[in-house]
Amino acid sequence: MSVWGKLAGAAAGLAIGGPIGALLGGVAGHYAIDRDQEQEGPAENQVAFTVGVIALGAKMAKADGVVTMDEVNAFKEVFKVPEGEMKNVARVFNLAKQDVAGYEAYAEQLAAMFKGNRKLLEDVLEGLFHIAKSDDAVHPREEQFLGEVAKRFGFTETEFGYIKARHVSAAKRNPYDVLGVHPSIGNDELKSHYRRLVADNHPDKLMARGVPKEFVAIATEKVAAINESYDMISKERGI
C-alpha cells in the first residue's frame, strides 16, 4: 500500500494525537494500515512525516500571504502523488490552512515524535524547501518561516544555513556550506565527510528512517548539489 493509502486510514490505525492526529481525523478514508509494508520504515513515522510536510507547507503558503495551487502542484510533482490520491493530499492541505493551530504546534509535535532522528527532521525541511521553490525562488517570508521551523526542530542557525545553501541557485552556492564544512577542513576529512553525506541520502537510508518511498525524490537534487560542490572543491584543491 502506498503512503497515500496509509494517510487516509491512519487515524483509525495509529495512535497519533496532537494537531497531526486532528488533521488525520478530518481525512475521510476507508484504507487500513498495511503492516506488511513495515520494512519501508515505521508506519507512524511515514504518516507523521507526510502530514507534517503537507501541513507545514500549507502554513508556509499562508504565511507568504497568497495561497495558490502552486504549492499543491509542486507537492504533487516532487512527491509523485497519483491522481487518485490528490484529493486526500488536497484535503489535508486545505484543512491545515484553515486550522486555528499555528505552524509552531505542528513543528513541535514533529520534533517530539522524531526526537533522536535529526536526519528525518532535516528531510522534512528539505521537503518544505522543495515546496517553497515551486515558483523558482525562496521568498524572504518563506525563508523566515523555514528558519523558525528549523529552530523548533532544534537546528542551529549555522545548521539551517547549510540546509538552505543546497536550495539556492547553483551560481550562488558556497560549496563548503552545501557540504556543511569549514574551508579549513583537511582533504582526507573532506573525502570521508562527502562519502558519509552521499550514503546518508541514499534512498534505502531515507526509507529506513521513515521517509516514504514516494518522497525519496527529495534526495536526488540534494545529492546532485553535494556532488557538484565536492567536485568544485576537489578541482580547486587538485585532489
C-alpha atoms as a PDB file:
ATOM      1  CA  MET A   1       0.000   0.000   0.000  1.00  0.00           C
ATOM      2  CA  SER A   2       1.265   3.496  -0.820  1.00  0.00           C
ATOM      3  CA  VAL A   3       1.744   6.108   1.878  1.00  0.00           C
ATOM      4  CA  TRP A   4      -1.294   7.908   0.465  1.00  0.00           C
ATOM      5  CA  GLY A   5      -3.452   4.916   1.328  1.00  0.00           C
ATOM      6  CA  LYS A   6      -1.913   4.827   4.784  1.00  0.00           C
ATOM      7  CA  LEU A   7      -2.588   8.546   5.130  1.00  0.00           C
ATOM      8  CA  ALA A   8      -6.290   8.105   4.543  1.00  0.00           C
ATOM      9  CA  GLY A   9      -6.675   5.327   7.079  1.00  0.00           C
ATOM     10  CA  ALA A  10      -4.105   6.349   9.651  1.00  0.00           C
ATOM     11  CA  ALA A  11      -6.486   7.966  12.116  1.00  0.00           C
ATOM     12  CA  ALA A  12      -8.066   4.596  12.765  1.00  0.00           C
ATOM     13  CA  GLY A  13      -4.845   2.603  12.738  1.00  0.00           C
ATOM     14  CA  LEU A  14      -2.235   4.689  14.541  1.00  0.00           C
ATOM     15  CA  ALA A  15      -2.180   6.451  17.877  1.00  0.00           C
ATOM     16  CA  ILE A  16      -1.116   9.880  16.654  1.00  0.00           C
ATOM     17  CA  GLY A  17      -2.508  12.714  18.747  1.00  0.00           C
ATOM     18  CA  GLY A  18      -1.944  16.452  18.667  1.00  0.00           C
ATOM     19  CA  PRO A  19      -2.579  18.655  15.638  1.00  0.00           C
ATOM     20  CA  ILE A  20      -1.332  15.952  13.241  1.00  0.00           C
ATOM     21  CA  GLY A  21      -3.798  13.450  14.674  1.00  0.00           C
ATOM     22  CA  ALA A  22      -6.569  16.047  14.464  1.00  0.00           C
ATOM     23  CA  LEU A  23      -5.795  16.617  10.778  1.00  0.00           C
ATOM     24  CA  LEU A  24      -5.892  12.898  10.114  1.00  0.00           C
ATOM     25  CA  GLY A  25      -9.242  12.721  11.844  1.00  0.00           C
ATOM     26  CA  GLY A  26     -10.567  15.172   9.274  1.00  0.00           C
ATOM     27  CA  VAL A  27      -9.492  12.998   6.360  1.00  0.00           C
ATOM     28  CA  ALA A  28     -12.191  10.532   5.428  1.00  0.00           C
ATOM     29  CA  GLY A  29     -10.979   7.229   4.052  1.00  0.00           C
ATOM     30  CA  HIS A  30     -11.554   3.511   4.087  1.00  0.00           C
ATOM     31  CA  TYR A  31      -7.970   2.281   3.873  1.00  0.00           C
ATOM     32  CA  ALA A  32      -6.298   0.197   6.530  1.00  0.00           C
ATOM     33  CA  ILE A  33      -2.660   0.334   7.533  1.00  0.00           C
ATOM     34  CA  ASP A  34      -0.755  -2.352   5.689  1.00  0.00           C
ATOM     35  CA  ARG A  35       1.559  -3.806   8.301  1.00  0.00           C
ATOM     36  CA  ASP A  36       3.336  -5.866   5.640  1.00  0.00           C
ATOM     37  CA  GLN A  37       4.987  -2.677   4.449  1.00  0.00           C
ATOM     38  CA  GLU A  38       6.807  -2.000   7.714  1.00  0.00           C
ATOM     39  CA  GLN A  39      10.192  -2.645   6.093  1.00  0.00           C
ATOM     40  CA  GLU A  40       9.765   0.655   4.229  1.00  0.00           C
ATOM     41  CA  GLY A  41      10.053   2.493   7.540  1.00  0.00           C
ATOM     42  CA  PRO A  42       7.860   2.742  10.648  1.00  0.00           C
ATOM     43  CA  ALA A  43       4.291   3.371   9.527  1.00  0.00           C
ATOM     44  CA  GLU A  44       3.759   6.021  12.186  1.00  0.00           C
ATOM     45  CA  ASN A  45       6.894   7.885  11.077  1.00  0.00           C
ATOM     46  CA  GLN A  46       5.810   7.695   7.434  1.00  0.00           C
ATOM     47  CA  VAL A  47       2.373   9.130   8.159  1.00  0.00           C
ATOM     48  CA  ALA A  48       3.665  11.830  10.536  1.00  0.00           C
ATOM     49  CA  PHE A  49       6.362  12.829   8.025  1.00  0.00           C
ATOM     50  CA  THR A  50       3.829  13.047   5.187  1.00  0.00           C
ATOM     51  CA  VAL A  51       1.207  15.006   7.107  1.00  0.00           C
ATOM     52  CA  GLY A  52       3.889  17.206   8.660  1.00  0.00           C
ATOM     53  CA  VAL A  53       5.295  18.238   5.277  1.00  0.00           C
ATOM     54  CA  ILE A  54       1.809  18.873   3.836  1.00  0.00           C
ATOM     55  CA  ALA A  55       0.601  20.798   6.899  1.00  0.00           C
ATOM     56  CA  LEU A  56       3.726  22.927   7.286  1.00  0.00           C
ATOM     57  CA  GLY A  57       3.696  23.512   3.519  1.00  0.00           C
ATOM     58  CA  ALA A  58       0.148  24.824   3.863  1.00  0.00           C
ATOM     59  CA  LYS A  59       1.118  27.065   6.764  1.00  0.00           C
ATOM     60  CA  MET A  60       4.098  28.351   4.771  1.00  0.00           C
ATOM     61  CA  ALA A  61       1.814  29.151   1.830  1.00  0.00           C
ATOM     62  CA  LYS A  62      -0.466  31.056   4.181  1.00  0.00           C
ATOM     63  CA  ALA A  63       2.478  32.911   5.736  1.00  0.00           C
ATOM     64  CA  ASP A  64       3.511  34.022   2.261  1.00  0.00           C
ATOM     65  CA  GLY A  65       0.260  35.991   2.096  1.00  0.00           C
ATOM     66  CA  VAL A  66      -1.121  34.434  -1.091  1.00  0.00           C
ATOM     67  CA  VAL A  67      -2.362  30.864  -1.281  1.00  0.00           C
ATOM     68  CA  THR A  68      -2.382  29.432  -4.799  1.00  0.00           C
ATOM     69  CA  MET A  69      -2.383  25.946  -6.306  1.00  0.00           C
ATOM     70  CA  ASP A  70       1.363  26.261  -6.998  1.00  0.00           C
ATOM     71  CA  GLU A  71       2.307  24.709  -3.679  1.00  0.00           C
ATOM     72  CA  VAL A  72      -0.094  21.788  -4.082  1.00  0.00           C
ATOM     73  CA  ASN A  73       1.094  21.227  -7.647  1.00  0.00           C
ATOM     74  CA  ALA A  74       4.738  21.383  -6.541  1.00  0.00           C
ATOM     75  CA  PHE A  75       3.965  18.820  -3.879  1.00  0.00           C
ATOM     76  CA  LYS A  76       2.318  16.601  -6.466  1.00  0.00           C
ATOM     77  CA  GLU A  77       5.255  16.826  -8.870  1.00  0.00           C
ATOM     78  CA  VAL A  78       8.078  16.419  -6.384  1.00  0.00           C
ATOM     79  CA  PHE A  79       6.473  13.733  -4.272  1.00  0.00           C
ATOM     80  CA  LYS A  80       4.845  11.670  -7.014  1.00  0.00           C
ATOM     81  CA  VAL A  81       1.241  11.834  -5.883  1.00  0.00           C
ATOM     82  CA  PRO A  82      -1.026   9.611  -8.033  1.00  0.00           C
ATOM     83  CA  GLU A  83      -4.046  11.405  -9.491  1.00  0.00           C
ATOM     84  CA  GLY A  84      -6.368   9.185  -7.487  1.00  0.00           C
ATOM     85  CA  GLU A  85      -4.799  10.288  -4.199  1.00  0.00           C
ATOM     86  CA  MET A  86      -4.609  14.045  -4.875  1.00  0.00           C
ATOM     87  CA  LYS A  87      -7.955  14.559  -3.169  1.00  0.00           C
ATOM     88  CA  ASN A  88      -6.534  13.226   0.109  1.00  0.00           C
ATOM     89  CA  VAL A  89      -3.460  15.447  -0.143  1.00  0.00           C
ATOM     90  CA  ALA A  90      -5.532  18.498  -1.065  1.00  0.00           C
ATOM     91  CA  ARG A  91      -7.913  17.773   1.831  1.00  0.00           C
ATOM     92  CA  VAL A  92      -5.072  17.714   4.360  1.00  0.00           C
ATOM     93  CA  PHE A  93      -3.546  20.832   2.777  1.00  0.00           C
ATOM     94  CA  ASN A  94      -6.833  22.738   2.969  1.00  0.00           C
ATOM     95  CA  LEU A  95      -7.643  21.562   6.491  1.00  0.00           C
ATOM     96  CA  ALA A  96      -4.200  22.712   7.643  1.00  0.00           C
ATOM     97  CA  LYS A  97      -4.713  26.131   6.020  1.00  0.00           C
ATOM     98  CA  GLN A  98      -7.992  26.540   7.925  1.00  0.00           C
ATOM     99  CA  ASP A  99      -6.733  25.083  11.201  1.00  0.00           C
ATOM    100  CA  VAL A 100      -6.501  27.595  14.029  1.00  0.00           C
ATOM    101  CA  ALA A 101      -3.395  25.812  15.341  1.00  0.00           C
ATOM    102  CA  GLY A 102      -0.245  27.648  14.319  1.00  0.00           C
ATOM    103  CA  TYR A 103       2.692  26.108  12.496  1.00  0.00           C
ATOM    104  CA  GLU A 104       4.506  26.010  15.840  1.00  0.00           C
ATOM    105  CA  ALA A 105       2.226  23.229  17.095  1.00  0.00           C
ATOM    106  CA  TYR A 106       2.963  21.038  14.051  1.00  0.00           C
ATOM    107  CA  ALA A 107       6.703  21.739  14.180  1.00  0.00           C
ATOM    108  CA  GLU A 108       6.908  20.980  17.893  1.00  0.00           C
ATOM    109  CA  GLN A 109       4.916  17.748  17.525  1.00  0.00           C
ATOM    110  CA  LEU A 110       7.214  16.538  14.744  1.00  0.00           C
ATOM    111  CA  ALA A 111      10.256  17.497  16.811  1.00  0.00           C
ATOM    112  CA  ALA A 112       8.884  15.428  19.710  1.00  0.00           C
ATOM    113  CA  MET A 113       7.910  12.454  17.521  1.00  0.00           C
ATOM    114  CA  PHE A 114      11.254  12.379  15.715  1.00  0.00           C
ATOM    115  CA  LYS A 115      13.401  13.124  18.752  1.00  0.00           C
ATOM    116  CA  GLY A 116      16.713  11.387  18.214  1.00  0.00           C
ATOM    117  CA  ASN A 117      16.026  11.209  14.458  1.00  0.00           C
ATOM    118  CA  ARG A 118      17.504  14.532  13.367  1.00  0.00           C
ATOM    119  CA  LYS A 119      18.086  13.291   9.831  1.00  0.00           C
ATOM    120  CA  LEU A 120      14.343  12.787   9.413  1.00  0.00           C
ATOM    121  CA  LEU A 121      13.663  16.312  10.674  1.00  0.00           C
ATOM    122  CA  GLU A 122      16.207  17.528   8.123  1.00  0.00           C
ATOM    123  CA  ASP A 123      14.304  15.563   5.463  1.00  0.00           C
ATOM    124  CA  VAL A 124      11.119  17.446   6.468  1.00  0.00           C
ATOM    125  CA  LEU A 125      12.933  20.763   5.946  1.00  0.00           C
ATOM    126  CA  GLU A 126      14.252  19.570   2.576  1.00  0.00           C
ATOM    127  CA  GLY A 127      10.677  18.773   1.524  1.00  0.00           C
ATOM    128  CA  LEU A 128       9.498  22.222   2.613  1.00  0.00           C
ATOM    129  CA  PHE A 129      12.292  23.893   0.646  1.00  0.00           C
ATOM    130  CA  HIS A 130      11.143  21.994  -2.450  1.00  0.00           C
ATOM    131  CA  ILE A 131       7.629  23.382  -1.978  1.00  0.00           C
ATOM    132  CA  ALA A 132       8.971  26.895  -1.318  1.00  0.00           C
ATOM    133  CA  LYS A 133      10.933  26.753  -4.594  1.00  0.00           C
ATOM    134  CA  SER A 134       7.808  25.891  -6.608  1.00  0.00           C
ATOM    135  CA  ASP A 135       7.892  29.379  -8.160  1.00  0.00           C
ATOM    136  CA  ASP A 136      11.667  29.211  -8.769  1.00  0.00           C
ATOM    137  CA  ALA A 137      12.599  31.237  -5.694  1.00  0.00           C
ATOM    138  CA  VAL A 138      12.504  31.031  -1.911  1.00  0.00           C
ATOM    139  CA  HIS A 139      10.978  34.325  -0.816  1.00  0.00           C
ATOM    140  CA  PRO A 140      12.121  36.158   2.353  1.00  0.00           C
ATOM    141  CA  ARG A 141       8.915  35.323   4.249  1.00  0.00           C
ATOM    142  CA  GLU A 142       9.255  31.661   3.302  1.00  0.00           C
ATOM    143  CA  GLU A 143      12.897  31.652   4.375  1.00  0.00           C
ATOM    144  CA  GLN A 144      11.951  33.262   7.688  1.00  0.00           C
ATOM    145  CA  PHE A 145       9.198  30.671   8.168  1.00  0.00           C
ATOM    146  CA  LEU A 146      11.604  27.815   7.425  1.00  0.00           C
ATOM    147  CA  GLY A 147      14.149  29.281   9.829  1.00  0.00           C
ATOM    148  CA  GLU A 148      11.560  29.330  12.601  1.00  0.00           C
ATOM    149  CA  VAL A 149      10.573  25.722  11.875  1.00  0.00           C
ATOM    150  CA  ALA A 150      14.255  24.707  11.897  1.00  0.00           C
ATOM    151  CA  LYS A 151      14.698  26.408  15.273  1.00  0.00           C
ATOM    152  CA  ARG A 152      11.814  24.398  16.713  1.00  0.00           C
ATOM    153  CA  PHE A 153      13.372  21.251  15.272  1.00  0.00           C
ATOM    154  CA  GLY A 154      16.496  22.033  17.288  1.00  0.00           C
ATOM    155  CA  PHE A 155      18.771  23.131  14.431  1.00  0.00           C
ATOM    156  CA  THR A 156      21.225  25.971  14.971  1.00  0.00           C
ATOM    157  CA  GLU A 157      21.352  28.955  12.621  1.00  0.00           C
ATOM    158  CA  THR A 158      24.571  27.548  11.162  1.00  0.00           C
ATOM    159  CA  GLU A 159      22.955  24.149  10.513  1.00  0.00           C
ATOM    160  CA  PHE A 160      19.968  25.839   8.906  1.00  0.00           C
ATOM    161  CA  GLY A 161      22.359  27.846   6.730  1.00  0.00           C
ATOM    162  CA  TYR A 162      23.903  24.602   5.463  1.00  0.00           C
ATOM    163  CA  ILE A 163      20.473  23.181   4.587  1.00  0.00           C
ATOM    164  CA  LYS A 164      19.449  26.440   2.882  1.00  0.00           C
ATOM    165  CA  ALA A 165      22.692  26.521   0.872  1.00  0.00           C
ATOM    166  CA  ARG A 166      21.595  23.459  -1.087  1.00  0.00           C
ATOM    167  CA  HIS A 167      18.489  25.265  -2.310  1.00  0.00           C
ATOM    168  CA  VAL A 168      19.905  28.468  -3.740  1.00  0.00           C
ATOM    169  CA  SER A 169      20.812  28.651  -7.418  1.00  0.00           C
ATOM    170  CA  ALA A 170      23.989  26.791  -8.360  1.00  0.00           C
ATOM    171  CA  ALA A 171      25.706  30.055  -9.301  1.00  0.00           C
ATOM    172  CA  LYS A 172      25.192  31.449  -5.775  1.00  0.00           C
ATOM    173  CA  ARG A 173      26.112  28.339  -3.811  1.00  0.00           C
ATOM    174  CA  ASN A 174      29.034  28.245  -1.445  1.00  0.00           C
ATOM    175  CA  PRO A 175      30.281  24.660  -1.947  1.00  0.00           C
ATOM    176  CA  TYR A 176      31.583  24.419   1.625  1.00  0.00           C
ATOM    177  CA  ASP A 177      28.178  25.454   3.022  1.00  0.00           C
ATOM    178  CA  VAL A 178      26.441  22.868   0.830  1.00  0.00           C
ATOM    179  CA  LEU A 179      28.671  20.168   2.324  1.00  0.00           C
ATOM    180  CA  GLY A 180      28.282  21.633   5.806  1.00  0.00           C
ATOM    181  CA  VAL A 181      32.012  22.017   6.432  1.00  0.00           C
ATOM    182  CA  HIS A 182      34.513  24.807   7.106  1.00  0.00           C
ATOM    183  CA  PRO A 183      37.011  25.714   4.357  1.00  0.00           C
ATOM    184  CA  SER A 184      39.838  24.761   6.715  1.00  0.00           C
ATOM    185  CA  ILE A 185      38.841  21.065   6.602  1.00  0.00           C
ATOM    186  CA  GLY A 186      41.626  18.702   5.518  1.00  0.00           C
ATOM    187  CA  ASN A 187      41.415  16.697   2.302  1.00  0.00           C
ATOM    188  CA  ASP A 188      41.080  13.294   3.981  1.00  0.00           C
ATOM    189  CA  GLU A 189      38.387  14.505   6.356  1.00  0.00           C
ATOM    190  CA  LEU A 190      36.601  16.183   3.452  1.00  0.00           C
ATOM    191  CA  LYS A 191      36.534  12.925   1.479  1.00  0.00           C
ATOM    192  CA  SER A 192      35.168  10.979   4.463  1.00  0.00           C
ATOM    193  CA  HIS A 193      32.518  13.631   5.134  1.00  0.00           C
ATOM    194  CA  TYR A 194      31.461  13.667   1.490  1.00  0.00           C
ATOM    195  CA  ARG A 195      31.095   9.871   1.348  1.00  0.00           C
ATOM    196  CA  ARG A 196      29.035   9.924   4.543  1.00  0.00           C
ATOM    197  CA  LEU A 197      26.723  12.620   3.137  1.00  0.00           C
ATOM    198  CA  VAL A 198      26.095  10.624  -0.043  1.00  0.00           C
ATOM    199  CA  ALA A 199      25.473   7.420   1.952  1.00  0.00           C
ATOM    200  CA  ASP A 200      23.070   9.198   4.352  1.00  0.00           C
ATOM    201  CA  ASN A 201      20.965  10.359   1.411  1.00  0.00           C
ATOM    202  CA  HIS A 202      20.731   7.024  -0.379  1.00  0.00           C
ATOM    203  CA  PRO A 203      17.028   6.087  -0.870  1.00  0.00           C
ATOM    204  CA  ASP A 204      17.420   2.987   1.318  1.00  0.00           C
ATOM    205  CA  LYS A 205      18.737   5.113   4.194  1.00  0.00           C
ATOM    206  CA  LEU A 206      15.864   7.581   3.869  1.00  0.00           C
ATOM    207  CA  MET A 207      13.232   4.832   3.911  1.00  0.00           C
ATOM    208  CA  ALA A 208      14.910   3.146   6.883  1.00  0.00           C
ATOM    209  CA  ARG A 209      14.472   6.289   8.960  1.00  0.00           C
ATOM    210  CA  GLY A 210      10.832   6.771   7.980  1.00  0.00           C
ATOM    211  CA  VAL A 211      10.731   8.697   4.696  1.00  0.00           C
ATOM    212  CA  PRO A 212       8.065   7.065   2.480  1.00  0.00           C
ATOM    213  CA  LYS A 213       9.320   5.759  -0.863  1.00  0.00           C
ATOM    214  CA  GLU A 214       7.152   8.328  -2.641  1.00  0.00           C
ATOM    215  CA  PHE A 215       9.286  11.083  -1.088  1.00  0.00           C
ATOM    216  CA  VAL A 216      12.803   9.882  -1.824  1.00  0.00           C
ATOM    217  CA  ALA A 217      12.946  12.210  -4.828  1.00  0.00           C
ATOM    218  CA  ILE A 218      13.928  14.915  -2.318  1.00  0.00           C
ATOM    219  CA  ALA A 219      17.314  13.176  -2.073  1.00  0.00           C
ATOM    220  CA  THR A 220      18.042  13.338  -5.807  1.00  0.00           C
ATOM    221  CA  GLU A 221      18.519  17.093  -6.009  1.00  0.00           C
ATOM    222  CA  LYS A 222      20.291  17.130  -2.643  1.00  0.00           C
ATOM    223  CA  VAL A 223      22.842  14.523  -3.732  1.00  0.00           C
ATOM    224  CA  ALA A 224      23.340  16.373  -7.031  1.00  0.00           C
ATOM    225  CA  ALA A 225      24.157  19.580  -5.110  1.00  0.00           C
ATOM    226  CA  ILE A 226      26.514  17.643  -2.817  1.00  0.00           C
ATOM    227  CA  ASN A 227      28.324  16.018  -5.770  1.00  0.00           C
ATOM    228  CA  GLU A 228      28.614  19.284  -7.650  1.00  0.00           C
ATOM    229  CA  SER A 229      30.007  21.100  -4.608  1.00  0.00           C
ATOM    230  CA  TYR A 230      32.514  18.342  -3.838  1.00  0.00           C
ATOM    231  CA  ASP A 231      33.680  18.381  -7.471  1.00  0.00           C
ATOM    232  CA  MET A 232      34.209  22.153  -7.305  1.00  0.00           C
ATOM    233  CA  ILE A 233      36.296  21.890  -4.148  1.00  0.00           C
ATOM    234  CA  SER A 234      38.240  18.883  -5.485  1.00  0.00           C
ATOM    235  CA  LYS A 235      39.194  20.791  -8.632  1.00  0.00           C
ATOM    236  CA  GLU A 236      40.250  23.835  -6.598  1.00  0.00           C
ATOM    237  CA  ARG A 237      42.416  21.664  -4.340  1.00  0.00           C
ATOM    238  CA  GLY A 238      43.657  19.351  -7.060  1.00  0.00           C
ATOM    239  CA  ILE A 239      42.554  16.194  -5.248  1.00  0.00           C
END
